[in-house]
């Protein structure tokens, strides 16, 4: 969940259509967001079993 929160300022910049960091940073932020999201879902699934 910490990675998800860490990428929120980057998503805010993207939503404002001001992305000065380059394509590699966009891909990295997307990857971190996705990994964090799916890890959170996986942990909640494991806890419910």
Protein backbone atom coordinates (compact mmCIF):
# COMPACT_ATOMS: atom_id res chain seq x y z
CA UNK A 1 0.00 0.00 0.00
CA UNK A 2 2.94 2.31 0.56
CA UNK A 3 3.98 2.00 -3.09
CA UNK A 4 0.46 2.90 -4.12
CA UNK A 5 0.53 6.04 -2.00
CA UNK A 6 4.02 6.91 -3.26
CA UNK A 7 2.81 6.96 -6.86
CA UNK A 8 -0.20 9.22 -6.22
CA UNK A 9 1.71 12.51 -6.74
CA UNK A 10 2.92 11.15 -10.07
CA UNK A 11 -0.64 10.29 -11.09
CA UNK A 12 -1.74 13.80 -10.11
CA UNK A 13 0.88 15.26 -12.45
CA UNK A 14 -0.29 12.90 -15.19
CA UNK A 15 -3.93 13.91 -14.66
CA UNK A 16 -2.92 17.57 -15.00
CA UNK A 17 -1.35 16.67 -18.36
CA UNK A 18 2.05 17.85 -17.16
CA UNK A 19 4.45 14.92 -17.28
CA UNK A 20 8.04 16.24 -17.35
CA UNK A 21 9.70 13.00 -16.23
CA UNK A 22 9.91 11.13 -19.52
CA UNK A 23 8.48 7.91 -20.86
CA UNK A 24 10.58 5.60 -18.65
CA UNK A 25 9.24 7.26 -15.47
CA UNK A 26 5.69 6.89 -16.75
CA UNK A 27 6.20 3.19 -17.32
CA UNK A 28 7.89 2.79 -13.93
CA UNK A 29 5.06 4.59 -12.11
CA UNK A 30 2.50 2.43 -13.90
CA UNK A 31 4.39 -0.74 -12.99
CA UNK A 32 4.72 0.27 -9.33
CA UNK A 33 1.03 1.12 -9.15
CA UNK A 34 0.01 -2.20 -10.71
CA UNK A 35 2.33 -4.30 -8.57
CA UNK A 36 1.19 -2.56 -5.41
CA UNK A 37 -2.48 -2.94 -6.32
CA UNK A 38 -2.27 -6.64 -7.09
CA UNK A 39 -0.07 -7.38 -4.06
CA UNK A 40 -2.67 -5.71 -1.85
CA UNK A 41 -5.44 -7.83 -3.35
CA UNK A 42 -3.30 -10.95 -2.92
CA UNK A 43 -2.60 -10.18 0.75
CA UNK A 44 -6.29 -9.61 1.46
CA UNK A 45 -7.13 -12.88 -0.27
CA UNK A 46 -4.56 -14.74 1.81
CA UNK A 47 -5.90 -13.21 5.01
CA UNK A 48 -9.45 -14.29 4.21
CA UNK A 49 -8.51 -17.94 3.70
